[in-house]
Amino acid sequence: MLEGWACRYKILPNGTRQILAFLMPGDACDLHVGLLAEMDHSIQTLIPSDVVTIEKAEMEAMMDNHRGVARAMYTAQLVDAGTMRAWITSMGRRTSAERVAHLMCDLYLRANNICQTNNSEISLPLSQILLADALGMTPVHLNRILKEFRQQEIMRLERGQLIIMDPINLAKIAGFDENYLHRRMRRPH
């Protein structure tokens, strides 16, 4: 992803959608897809976006000839796997409020990492329906939680913006530990 937002998702037989990940600028959509006969999920851009595709042979040549590129791609896959584990933990063991708080911390930190924050704000072009599909809850239930966070002056969503008013409390509610994002990777000697 060069610009914009996208998501990975699956459609269940009953027609419901589960969003598996949000993709931001700098994220790789699916580095491993060339190894598989077909994808087991779909990817959709959520706003006008610039996405680059790299042919399998060209990617293999880059990985073979440039150790740093190969390491960066491998690291990106490790971060994707860590993020997936964090999302699975949220869906399986966090309360609804903890899930919302965790996702907002995740999105804010990832946006901050790519210099797309303005103090405590990020552009968040995600509807409550999209967020609910990522969090495994109904839009009505999500709206109640967002209202509680807004009333407690913790965070609010407003016209495509996420505004975090109390980042310490939001992280505390989420039980947020950023280690899964592997931002402190050791550099090779």
N, C-alpha and C. Protein backbone atom coordinates (compact mmCIF):
# COMPACT_ATOMS: atom_id res chain seq x y z
N MET A 1 0.85 -1.17 0.00
CA MET A 1 0.00 0.00 0.00
C MET A 1 0.90 1.24 0.00
N LEU A 2 0.71 2.10 -0.99
CA LEU A 2 1.44 3.35 -1.00
C LEU A 2 0.64 4.45 -0.31
N GLU A 3 -0.63 4.51 -0.62
CA GLU A 3 -1.55 5.49 -0.03
C GLU A 3 -2.90 4.83 0.17
N GLY A 4 -3.63 5.34 1.18
CA GLY A 4 -4.99 4.87 1.39
C GLY A 4 -5.10 3.80 2.46
N TRP A 5 -6.25 3.18 2.51
CA TRP A 5 -6.56 2.12 3.47
C TRP A 5 -7.24 0.97 2.73
N ALA A 6 -6.97 -0.23 3.21
CA ALA A 6 -7.62 -1.42 2.68
C ALA A 6 -7.90 -2.36 3.85
N CYS A 7 -8.58 -3.44 3.57
CA CYS A 7 -8.80 -4.46 4.60
C CYS A 7 -8.72 -5.84 4.00
N ARG A 8 -8.31 -6.79 4.83
CA ARG A 8 -8.42 -8.21 4.52
C ARG A 8 -9.73 -8.67 5.16
N TYR A 9 -10.46 -9.53 4.47
CA TYR A 9 -11.72 -9.99 5.05
C TYR A 9 -12.12 -11.34 4.48
N LYS A 10 -13.04 -11.97 5.19
CA LYS A 10 -13.68 -13.21 4.74
C LYS A 10 -15.18 -13.01 4.83
N ILE A 11 -15.88 -13.58 3.87
CA ILE A 11 -17.34 -13.60 3.90
C ILE A 11 -17.76 -15.00 4.31
N LEU A 12 -18.58 -15.09 5.34
CA LEU A 12 -19.05 -16.37 5.82
C LEU A 12 -20.24 -16.84 4.98
N PRO A 13 -20.57 -18.15 5.03
CA PRO A 13 -21.69 -18.67 4.23
C PRO A 13 -23.02 -17.93 4.46
N ASN A 14 -23.21 -17.40 5.67
CA ASN A 14 -24.47 -16.68 5.94
C ASN A 14 -24.44 -15.23 5.46
N GLY A 15 -23.33 -14.83 4.80
CA GLY A 15 -23.24 -13.49 4.23
C GLY A 15 -22.58 -12.46 5.13
N THR A 16 -22.28 -12.81 6.38
CA THR A 16 -21.63 -11.84 7.25
C THR A 16 -20.15 -11.75 6.90
N ARG A 17 -19.57 -10.61 7.26
CA ARG A 17 -18.17 -10.34 6.94
C ARG A 17 -17.36 -10.25 8.22
N GLN A 18 -16.17 -10.84 8.20
CA GLN A 18 -15.21 -10.68 9.29
C GLN A 18 -13.99 -10.00 8.70
N ILE A 19 -13.71 -8.80 9.18
CA ILE A 19 -12.48 -8.11 8.76
C ILE A 19 -11.34 -8.68 9.57
N LEU A 20 -10.28 -9.07 8.88
CA LEU A 20 -9.14 -9.74 9.49
C LEU A 20 -7.98 -8.79 9.75
N ALA A 21 -7.91 -7.69 9.01
CA ALA A 21 -6.82 -6.73 9.19
C ALA A 21 -7.15 -5.45 8.42
N PHE A 22 -6.63 -4.35 8.93
CA PHE A 22 -6.66 -3.09 8.19
C PHE A 22 -5.25 -2.85 7.67
N LEU A 23 -5.17 -2.41 6.43
CA LEU A 23 -3.88 -2.15 5.78
C LEU A 23 -3.73 -0.66 5.55
N MET A 24 -2.56 -0.15 5.92
CA MET A 24 -2.24 1.27 5.81
C MET A 24 -1.04 1.44 4.87
N PRO A 25 -0.71 2.68 4.51
CA PRO A 25 0.48 2.89 3.69
C PRO A 25 1.71 2.21 4.31
N GLY A 26 2.45 1.52 3.45
CA GLY A 26 3.63 0.81 3.90
C GLY A 26 3.38 -0.66 4.16
N ASP A 27 2.13 -1.05 4.31
CA ASP A 27 1.80 -2.45 4.57
C ASP A 27 1.83 -3.24 3.26
N ALA A 28 2.26 -4.49 3.36
CA ALA A 28 2.21 -5.41 2.23
C ALA A 28 0.89 -6.17 2.32
N CYS A 29 0.20 -6.25 1.21
CA CYS A 29 -1.12 -6.89 1.23
C CYS A 29 -1.03 -8.38 1.49
N ASP A 30 -0.18 -9.08 0.83
CA ASP A 30 -0.03 -10.53 1.02
C ASP A 30 1.23 -10.98 0.28
N LEU A 31 2.34 -10.97 0.94
CA LEU A 31 3.61 -11.33 0.30
C LEU A 31 3.66 -12.78 -0.13
N HIS A 32 2.96 -13.63 0.55
CA HIS A 32 3.02 -15.06 0.29
C HIS A 32 2.05 -15.53 -0.78
N VAL A 33 1.23 -14.66 -1.32
CA VAL A 33 0.15 -15.09 -2.20
C VAL A 33 0.67 -15.82 -3.44
N GLY A 34 1.86 -15.48 -3.91
CA GLY A 34 2.41 -16.14 -5.08
C GLY A 34 2.73 -17.61 -4.86
N LEU A 35 2.81 -18.03 -3.61
CA LEU A 35 3.11 -19.42 -3.29
C LEU A 35 1.85 -20.29 -3.32
N LEU A 36 0.68 -19.66 -3.30
CA LEU A 36 -0.58 -20.39 -3.19
C LEU A 36 -1.33 -20.40 -4.52
N ALA A 37 -2.15 -21.42 -4.70
CA ALA A 37 -2.97 -21.49 -5.91
C ALA A 37 -4.04 -20.40 -5.91
N GLU A 38 -4.58 -20.11 -4.74
CA GLU A 38 -5.58 -19.04 -4.60
C GLU A 38 -5.59 -18.54 -3.17
N MET A 39 -6.06 -17.32 -3.02
CA MET A 39 -6.14 -16.72 -1.68
C MET A 39 -7.34 -17.31 -0.94
N ASP A 40 -7.24 -17.36 0.39
CA ASP A 40 -8.35 -17.86 1.20
C ASP A 40 -9.14 -16.71 1.83
N HIS A 41 -8.87 -15.51 1.37
CA HIS A 41 -9.56 -14.32 1.85
C HIS A 41 -9.55 -13.28 0.73
N SER A 42 -10.17 -12.16 0.96
CA SER A 42 -10.22 -11.08 -0.03
C SER A 42 -9.58 -9.83 0.54
N ILE A 43 -9.22 -8.93 -0.35
CA ILE A 43 -8.69 -7.62 0.04
C ILE A 43 -9.48 -6.56 -0.71
N GLN A 44 -9.83 -5.50 -0.01
CA GLN A 44 -10.62 -4.42 -0.60
C GLN A 44 -10.06 -3.09 -0.13
N THR A 45 -9.91 -2.14 -1.05
CA THR A 45 -9.55 -0.79 -0.62
C THR A 45 -10.79 -0.15 -0.02
N LEU A 46 -10.58 0.71 0.97
CA LEU A 46 -11.69 1.34 1.69
C LEU A 46 -11.88 2.80 1.30
N ILE A 47 -10.84 3.39 0.76
CA ILE A 47 -10.87 4.75 0.25
C ILE A 47 -10.01 4.74 -1.02
N PRO A 48 -10.06 5.79 -1.83
CA PRO A 48 -9.16 5.81 -2.99
C PRO A 48 -7.72 5.58 -2.51
N SER A 49 -7.05 4.62 -3.15
CA SER A 49 -5.74 4.17 -2.68
C SER A 49 -4.80 3.94 -3.84
N ASP A 50 -3.50 4.02 -3.55
CA ASP A 50 -2.48 3.63 -4.50
C ASP A 50 -1.86 2.34 -4.00
N VAL A 51 -1.98 1.31 -4.83
CA VAL A 51 -1.48 -0.02 -4.49
C VAL A 51 -0.55 -0.46 -5.61
N VAL A 52 0.60 -0.96 -5.24
CA VAL A 52 1.56 -1.45 -6.22
C VAL A 52 1.56 -2.97 -6.20
N THR A 53 1.55 -3.56 -7.38
CA THR A 53 1.71 -5.01 -7.46
C THR A 53 3.10 -5.28 -8.04
N ILE A 54 3.73 -6.30 -7.51
CA ILE A 54 5.06 -6.69 -7.97
C ILE A 54 4.95 -8.13 -8.45
N GLU A 55 5.38 -8.35 -9.66
CA GLU A 55 5.32 -9.69 -10.24
C GLU A 55 6.16 -10.66 -9.42
N LYS A 56 5.73 -11.91 -9.38
CA LYS A 56 6.40 -12.94 -8.58
C LYS A 56 7.88 -13.04 -8.92
N ALA A 57 8.24 -13.08 -10.19
CA ALA A 57 9.65 -13.22 -10.60
C ALA A 57 10.47 -12.02 -10.13
N GLU A 58 9.90 -10.83 -10.24
CA GLU A 58 10.60 -9.62 -9.81
C GLU A 58 10.81 -9.62 -8.29
N MET A 59 9.79 -10.05 -7.54
CA MET A 59 9.92 -10.12 -6.08
C MET A 59 10.96 -11.16 -5.70
N GLU A 60 10.94 -12.30 -6.34
CA GLU A 60 11.94 -13.33 -6.03
C GLU A 60 13.35 -12.83 -6.32
N ALA A 61 13.53 -12.12 -7.43
CA ALA A 61 14.85 -11.57 -7.76
C ALA A 61 15.29 -10.54 -6.71
N MET A 62 14.37 -9.67 -6.30
CA MET A 62 14.72 -8.70 -5.25
C MET A 62 15.12 -9.39 -3.96
N MET A 63 14.37 -10.40 -3.58
CA MET A 63 14.65 -11.12 -2.34
C MET A 63 15.99 -11.86 -2.43
N ASP A 64 16.28 -12.44 -3.60
CA ASP A 64 17.54 -13.17 -3.79
C ASP A 64 18.74 -12.23 -3.83
N ASN A 65 18.58 -11.07 -4.44
CA ASN A 65 19.72 -10.18 -4.70
C ASN A 65 19.91 -9.08 -3.67
N HIS A 66 18.94 -8.88 -2.81
CA HIS A 66 19.03 -7.79 -1.83
C HIS A 66 18.62 -8.31 -0.46
N ARG A 67 19.61 -8.65 0.33
CA ARG A 67 19.36 -9.25 1.64
C ARG A 67 18.50 -8.34 2.53
N GLY A 68 18.72 -7.04 2.45
CA GLY A 68 17.93 -6.10 3.26
C GLY A 68 16.46 -6.12 2.90
N VAL A 69 16.15 -6.25 1.60
CA VAL A 69 14.75 -6.33 1.16
C VAL A 69 14.13 -7.62 1.68
N ALA A 70 14.88 -8.72 1.55
CA ALA A 70 14.37 -10.01 2.03
C ALA A 70 14.09 -9.94 3.53
N ARG A 71 15.01 -9.34 4.28
CA ARG A 71 14.83 -9.21 5.73
C ARG A 71 13.61 -8.34 6.06
N ALA A 72 13.43 -7.25 5.32
CA ALA A 72 12.29 -6.36 5.56
C ALA A 72 10.97 -7.09 5.26
N MET A 73 10.94 -7.87 4.21
CA MET A 73 9.72 -8.61 3.86
C MET A 73 9.42 -9.69 4.90
N TYR A 74 10.46 -10.35 5.36
CA TYR A 74 10.29 -11.38 6.39
C TYR A 74 9.80 -10.72 7.69
N THR A 75 10.39 -9.60 8.04
CA THR A 75 9.96 -8.87 9.24
C THR A 75 8.51 -8.44 9.12
N ALA A 76 8.11 -7.96 7.93
CA ALA A 76 6.71 -7.55 7.71
C ALA A 76 5.76 -8.73 7.93
N GLN A 77 6.16 -9.92 7.49
CA GLN A 77 5.33 -11.11 7.70
C GLN A 77 5.24 -11.46 9.18
N LEU A 78 6.35 -11.30 9.92
CA LEU A 78 6.34 -11.57 11.36
C LEU A 78 5.41 -10.59 12.09
N VAL A 79 5.44 -9.33 11.68
CA VAL A 79 4.55 -8.34 12.30
C VAL A 79 3.10 -8.66 11.96
N ASP A 80 2.83 -9.05 10.71
CA ASP A 80 1.46 -9.47 10.34
C ASP A 80 0.99 -10.63 11.21
N ALA A 81 1.86 -11.61 11.42
CA ALA A 81 1.49 -12.76 12.26
C ALA A 81 1.27 -12.33 13.70
N GLY A 82 2.11 -11.43 14.21
CA GLY A 82 1.93 -10.92 15.58
C GLY A 82 0.62 -10.15 15.72
N THR A 83 0.29 -9.38 14.70
CA THR A 83 -0.97 -8.63 14.71
C THR A 83 -2.15 -9.58 14.68
N MET A 84 -2.05 -10.63 13.87
CA MET A 84 -3.14 -11.61 13.82
C MET A 84 -3.32 -12.28 15.19
N ARG A 85 -2.21 -12.60 15.87
CA ARG A 85 -2.33 -13.20 17.21
C ARG A 85 -2.99 -12.23 18.19
N ALA A 86 -2.65 -10.94 18.09
CA ALA A 86 -3.27 -9.93 18.97
C ALA A 86 -4.77 -9.84 18.69
N TRP A 87 -5.17 -9.88 17.41
CA TRP A 87 -6.59 -9.82 17.06
C TRP A 87 -7.32 -11.06 17.54
N ILE A 88 -6.69 -12.23 17.40
CA ILE A 88 -7.33 -13.47 17.87
C ILE A 88 -7.53 -13.41 19.38
N THR A 89 -6.53 -12.91 20.09
CA THR A 89 -6.64 -12.76 21.54
C THR A 89 -7.78 -11.82 21.88
N SER A 90 -7.90 -10.73 21.15
CA SER A 90 -9.01 -9.78 21.38
C SER A 90 -10.35 -10.47 21.19
N MET A 91 -10.50 -11.17 20.08
CA MET A 91 -11.78 -11.80 19.78
C MET A 91 -12.13 -12.89 20.79
N GLY A 92 -11.11 -13.58 21.30
CA GLY A 92 -11.37 -14.70 22.19
C GLY A 92 -11.45 -14.35 23.65
N ARG A 93 -10.73 -13.32 24.09
CA ARG A 93 -10.62 -13.12 25.54
C ARG A 93 -10.87 -11.70 26.03
N ARG A 94 -10.89 -10.71 25.16
CA ARG A 94 -11.13 -9.35 25.63
C ARG A 94 -12.62 -9.03 25.62
N THR A 95 -13.04 -8.20 26.57
CA THR A 95 -14.41 -7.71 26.56
C THR A 95 -14.59 -6.79 25.36
N SER A 96 -15.82 -6.43 25.06
CA SER A 96 -16.09 -5.55 23.93
C SER A 96 -15.36 -4.22 24.08
N ALA A 97 -15.41 -3.62 25.26
CA ALA A 97 -14.73 -2.33 25.48
C ALA A 97 -13.22 -2.49 25.33
N GLU A 98 -12.68 -3.58 25.84
CA GLU A 98 -11.23 -3.83 25.71
C GLU A 98 -10.84 -4.02 24.23
N ARG A 99 -11.70 -4.71 23.46
CA ARG A 99 -11.44 -4.91 22.03
C ARG A 99 -11.40 -3.59 21.29
N VAL A 100 -12.39 -2.73 21.56
CA VAL A 100 -12.43 -1.42 20.89
C VAL A 100 -11.19 -0.63 21.27
N ALA A 101 -10.86 -0.57 22.54
CA ALA A 101 -9.69 0.18 23.00
C ALA A 101 -8.42 -0.36 22.36
N HIS A 102 -8.30 -1.69 22.30
CA HIS A 102 -7.10 -2.29 21.72
C HIS A 102 -6.96 -1.94 20.23
N LEU A 103 -8.05 -2.05 19.49
CA LEU A 103 -7.99 -1.72 18.07
C LEU A 103 -7.61 -0.25 17.86
N MET A 104 -8.17 0.65 18.66
CA MET A 104 -7.85 2.06 18.51
C MET A 104 -6.38 2.34 18.85
N CYS A 105 -5.86 1.69 19.88
CA CYS A 105 -4.43 1.82 20.21
C CYS A 105 -3.58 1.31 19.06
N ASP A 106 -3.95 0.16 18.52
CA ASP A 106 -3.23 -0.45 17.40
C ASP A 106 -3.21 0.50 16.20
N LEU A 107 -4.36 0.99 15.79
CA LEU A 107 -4.44 1.85 14.62
C LEU A 107 -3.69 3.16 14.84
N TYR A 108 -3.81 3.73 16.05
CA TYR A 108 -3.10 4.97 16.34
C TYR A 108 -1.58 4.77 16.27
N LEU A 109 -1.09 3.72 16.91
CA LEU A 109 0.35 3.47 16.94
C LEU A 109 0.89 3.19 15.55
N ARG A 110 0.17 2.39 14.78
CA ARG A 110 0.61 2.11 13.41
C ARG A 110 0.61 3.38 12.55
N ALA A 111 -0.40 4.23 12.71
CA ALA A 111 -0.43 5.49 11.97
C ALA A 111 0.71 6.40 12.41
N ASN A 112 0.99 6.40 13.70
CA ASN A 112 2.09 7.21 14.22
C ASN A 112 3.42 6.74 13.65
N ASN A 113 3.58 5.43 13.49
CA ASN A 113 4.82 4.87 12.95
C ASN A 113 5.10 5.33 11.53
N ILE A 114 4.05 5.67 10.79
CA ILE A 114 4.23 6.13 9.41
C ILE A 114 3.95 7.63 9.28
N CYS A 115 4.05 8.33 10.41
CA CYS A 115 3.92 9.80 10.44
C CYS A 115 2.58 10.28 9.93
N GLN A 116 1.51 9.58 10.30
CA GLN A 116 0.17 10.00 9.90
C GLN A 116 -0.69 10.35 11.10
N THR A 117 -0.06 10.91 12.12
CA THR A 117 -0.80 11.38 13.28
C THR A 117 -0.60 12.88 13.41
N ASN A 118 -1.53 13.51 14.06
CA ASN A 118 -1.43 14.93 14.39
C ASN A 118 -1.73 15.01 15.88
N ASN A 119 -0.67 14.98 16.68
CA ASN A 119 -0.80 14.92 18.14
C ASN A 119 -1.59 13.68 18.52
N SER A 120 -2.79 13.84 19.02
CA SER A 120 -3.58 12.70 19.48
C SER A 120 -4.67 12.31 18.47
N GLU A 121 -4.50 12.73 17.21
CA GLU A 121 -5.51 12.47 16.19
C GLU A 121 -4.92 11.71 15.01
N ILE A 122 -5.76 10.85 14.42
CA ILE A 122 -5.41 10.25 13.13
C ILE A 122 -6.65 10.29 12.24
N SER A 123 -6.41 10.34 10.95
CA SER A 123 -7.50 10.19 10.00
C SER A 123 -7.91 8.72 10.05
N LEU A 124 -9.17 8.47 10.29
CA LEU A 124 -9.67 7.10 10.41
C LEU A 124 -10.88 6.94 9.49
N PRO A 125 -10.63 6.58 8.24
CA PRO A 125 -11.73 6.50 7.26
C PRO A 125 -12.52 5.20 7.36
N LEU A 126 -12.86 4.81 8.57
CA LEU A 126 -13.55 3.54 8.80
C LEU A 126 -14.91 3.80 9.41
N SER A 127 -15.95 3.30 8.77
CA SER A 127 -17.30 3.45 9.30
C SER A 127 -17.47 2.56 10.53
N GLN A 128 -18.53 2.81 11.28
CA GLN A 128 -18.81 1.95 12.42
C GLN A 128 -19.15 0.54 11.96
N ILE A 129 -19.69 0.38 10.78
CA ILE A 129 -19.97 -0.96 10.26
C ILE A 129 -18.66 -1.71 10.02
N LEU A 130 -17.67 -1.06 9.42
CA LEU A 130 -16.37 -1.69 9.21
C LEU A 130 -15.71 -2.04 10.53
N LEU A 131 -15.74 -1.11 11.47
CA LEU A 131 -15.14 -1.37 12.78
C LEU A 131 -15.84 -2.54 13.48
N ALA A 132 -17.17 -2.55 13.40
CA ALA A 132 -17.93 -3.64 14.03
C ALA A 132 -17.56 -4.98 13.39
N ASP A 133 -17.39 -5.00 12.07
CA ASP A 133 -17.01 -6.24 11.39
C ASP A 133 -15.59 -6.68 11.77
N ALA A 134 -14.74 -5.76 12.13
CA ALA A 134 -13.39 -6.11 12.60
C ALA A 134 -13.40 -6.58 14.04
N LEU A 135 -14.34 -6.07 14.82
CA LEU A 135 -14.37 -6.35 16.26
C LEU A 135 -15.33 -7.49 16.64
N GLY A 136 -16.05 -8.02 15.68
CA GLY A 136 -16.97 -9.11 15.97
C GLY A 136 -18.15 -8.69 16.82
N MET A 137 -18.67 -7.50 16.54
CA MET A 137 -19.84 -7.02 17.30
C MET A 137 -20.79 -6.30 16.36
N THR A 138 -21.97 -6.02 16.83
CA THR A 138 -22.93 -5.29 16.00
C THR A 138 -22.58 -3.81 16.02
N PRO A 139 -22.96 -3.08 14.96
CA PRO A 139 -22.74 -1.64 14.97
C PRO A 139 -23.43 -0.94 16.14
N VAL A 140 -24.60 -1.44 16.56
CA VAL A 140 -25.32 -0.84 17.69
C VAL A 140 -24.50 -0.98 18.98
N HIS A 141 -23.95 -2.18 19.21
CA HIS A 141 -23.14 -2.40 20.42
C HIS A 141 -21.87 -1.55 20.37
N LEU A 142 -21.23 -1.50 19.21
CA LEU A 142 -20.04 -0.66 19.05
C LEU A 142 -20.37 0.80 19.35
N ASN A 143 -21.51 1.27 18.84
CA ASN A 143 -21.91 2.65 19.06
C ASN A 143 -22.05 2.95 20.56
N ARG A 144 -22.62 2.00 21.32
CA ARG A 144 -22.75 2.18 22.77
C ARG A 144 -21.38 2.35 23.44
N ILE A 145 -20.43 1.51 23.03
CA ILE A 145 -19.08 1.58 23.62
C ILE A 145 -18.41 2.89 23.26
N LEU A 146 -18.53 3.30 22.00
CA LEU A 146 -17.94 4.57 21.58
C LEU A 146 -18.56 5.73 22.35
N LYS A 147 -19.87 5.65 22.60
CA LYS A 147 -20.54 6.70 23.38
C LYS A 147 -19.98 6.76 24.80
N GLU A 148 -19.77 5.58 25.42
CA GLU A 148 -19.20 5.54 26.77
C GLU A 148 -17.79 6.15 26.78
N PHE A 149 -16.97 5.79 25.82
CA PHE A 149 -15.61 6.35 25.75
C PHE A 149 -15.65 7.86 25.55
N ARG A 150 -16.59 8.33 24.72
CA ARG A 150 -16.73 9.77 24.48
C ARG A 150 -17.17 10.48 25.77
N GLN A 151 -18.15 9.91 26.48
CA GLN A 151 -18.63 10.51 27.72
C GLN A 151 -17.56 10.51 28.82
N GLN A 152 -16.71 9.49 28.83
CA GLN A 152 -15.63 9.41 29.82
C GLN A 152 -14.40 10.21 29.38
N GLU A 153 -14.50 10.86 28.22
CA GLU A 153 -13.42 11.67 27.65
C GLU A 153 -12.13 10.88 27.48
N ILE A 154 -12.30 9.65 26.97
CA ILE A 154 -11.16 8.78 26.68
C ILE A 154 -10.78 8.91 25.21
N MET A 155 -11.76 8.79 24.34
CA MET A 155 -11.55 8.92 22.89
C MET A 155 -12.88 9.18 22.23
N ARG A 156 -12.81 9.66 20.98
CA ARG A 156 -14.03 9.82 20.20
C ARG A 156 -13.71 9.70 18.71
N LEU A 157 -14.69 9.23 17.98
CA LEU A 157 -14.64 9.21 16.53
C LEU A 157 -15.51 10.34 16.04
N GLU A 158 -14.95 11.13 15.14
CA GLU A 158 -15.67 12.33 14.71
C GLU A 158 -15.28 12.66 13.27
N ARG A 159 -16.24 12.57 12.36
CA ARG A 159 -16.02 12.93 10.95
C ARG A 159 -14.72 12.36 10.38
N GLY A 160 -14.56 11.05 10.49
CA GLY A 160 -13.39 10.41 9.92
C GLY A 160 -12.09 10.62 10.68
N GLN A 161 -12.19 11.06 11.91
CA GLN A 161 -11.01 11.29 12.75
C GLN A 161 -11.16 10.47 14.03
N LEU A 162 -10.05 9.88 14.47
CA LEU A 162 -9.96 9.29 15.80
C LEU A 162 -9.22 10.29 16.66
N ILE A 163 -9.84 10.72 17.74
CA ILE A 163 -9.24 11.67 18.67
C ILE A 163 -9.10 10.97 20.01
N ILE A 164 -7.87 10.79 20.45
CA ILE A 164 -7.62 10.14 21.73
C ILE A 164 -7.35 11.23 22.76
N MET A 165 -8.26 11.35 23.72
CA MET A 165 -8.15 12.39 24.74
C MET A 165 -7.39 11.91 25.96
N ASP A 166 -7.44 10.62 26.25
CA ASP A 166 -6.78 10.05 27.42
C ASP A 166 -6.05 8.76 27.01
N PRO A 167 -4.86 8.91 26.38
CA PRO A 167 -4.17 7.73 25.85
C PRO A 167 -3.76 6.73 26.93
N ILE A 168 -3.43 7.21 28.10
CA ILE A 168 -3.02 6.30 29.18
C ILE A 168 -4.18 5.42 29.60
N ASN A 169 -5.35 6.01 29.78
CA ASN A 169 -6.52 5.23 30.16
C ASN A 169 -6.97 4.29 29.04
N LEU A 170 -6.88 4.76 27.79
CA LEU A 170 -7.26 3.91 26.66
C LEU A 170 -6.36 2.67 26.61
N ALA A 171 -5.05 2.87 26.76
CA ALA A 171 -4.11 1.75 26.75
C ALA A 171 -4.34 0.83 27.94
N LYS A 172 -4.70 1.41 29.09
CA LYS A 172 -4.98 0.61 30.29
C LYS A 172 -6.23 -0.25 30.08
N ILE A 173 -7.27 0.33 29.52
CA ILE A 173 -8.50 -0.43 29.24
C ILE A 173 -8.20 -1.58 28.29
N ALA A 174 -7.39 -1.31 27.28
CA ALA A 174 -7.05 -2.31 26.26
C ALA A 174 -6.11 -3.39 26.79
N GLY A 175 -5.36 -3.08 27.86
CA GLY A 175 -4.28 -3.96 28.26
C GLY A 175 -3.25 -3.99 27.14
N PHE A 176 -3.03 -2.82 26.54
CA PHE A 176 -2.24 -2.74 25.31
C PHE A 176 -0.76 -2.92 25.58
N ASP A 177 -0.16 -3.84 24.85
CA ASP A 177 1.27 -4.09 24.87
C ASP A 177 1.72 -4.13 23.41
N GLU A 178 2.48 -3.16 23.00
CA GLU A 178 2.84 -3.00 21.60
C GLU A 178 3.88 -3.99 21.10
N ASN A 179 4.35 -4.90 21.92
CA ASN A 179 5.42 -5.82 21.52
C ASN A 179 5.09 -6.61 20.26
N TYR A 180 3.82 -6.91 20.00
CA TYR A 180 3.47 -7.69 18.82
C TYR A 180 3.78 -6.95 17.52
N LEU A 181 3.96 -5.63 17.59
CA LEU A 181 4.30 -4.85 16.41
C LEU A 181 5.80 -4.86 16.12
N HIS A 182 6.58 -5.40 17.03
CA HIS A 182 8.03 -5.59 16.85
C HIS A 182 8.72 -4.32 16.36
N ARG A 183 8.40 -3.21 16.99
CA ARG A 183 9.01 -1.93 16.59
C ARG A 183 10.46 -1.83 17.04
N ARG A 184 10.85 -2.66 17.98
CA ARG A 184 12.22 -2.58 18.51
C ARG A 184 13.06 -3.76 18.01
N MET A 185 12.93 -4.07 16.73
CA MET A 185 13.67 -5.20 16.16
C MET A 185 15.17 -4.94 16.28
N ARG A 186 15.90 -5.99 16.61
CA ARG A 186 17.37 -5.88 16.66
C ARG A 186 17.89 -5.70 15.24
N ARG A 187 18.84 -4.82 15.10
CA ARG A 187 19.49 -4.63 13.81
C ARG A 187 20.64 -5.63 13.69
N PRO A 188 20.85 -6.18 12.48
CA PRO A 188 21.96 -7.11 12.31
C PRO A 188 23.29 -6.40 12.49
N HIS A 189 24.29 -7.11 12.98
CA HIS A 189 25.61 -6.52 13.19
C HIS A 189 26.37 -6.44 11.88
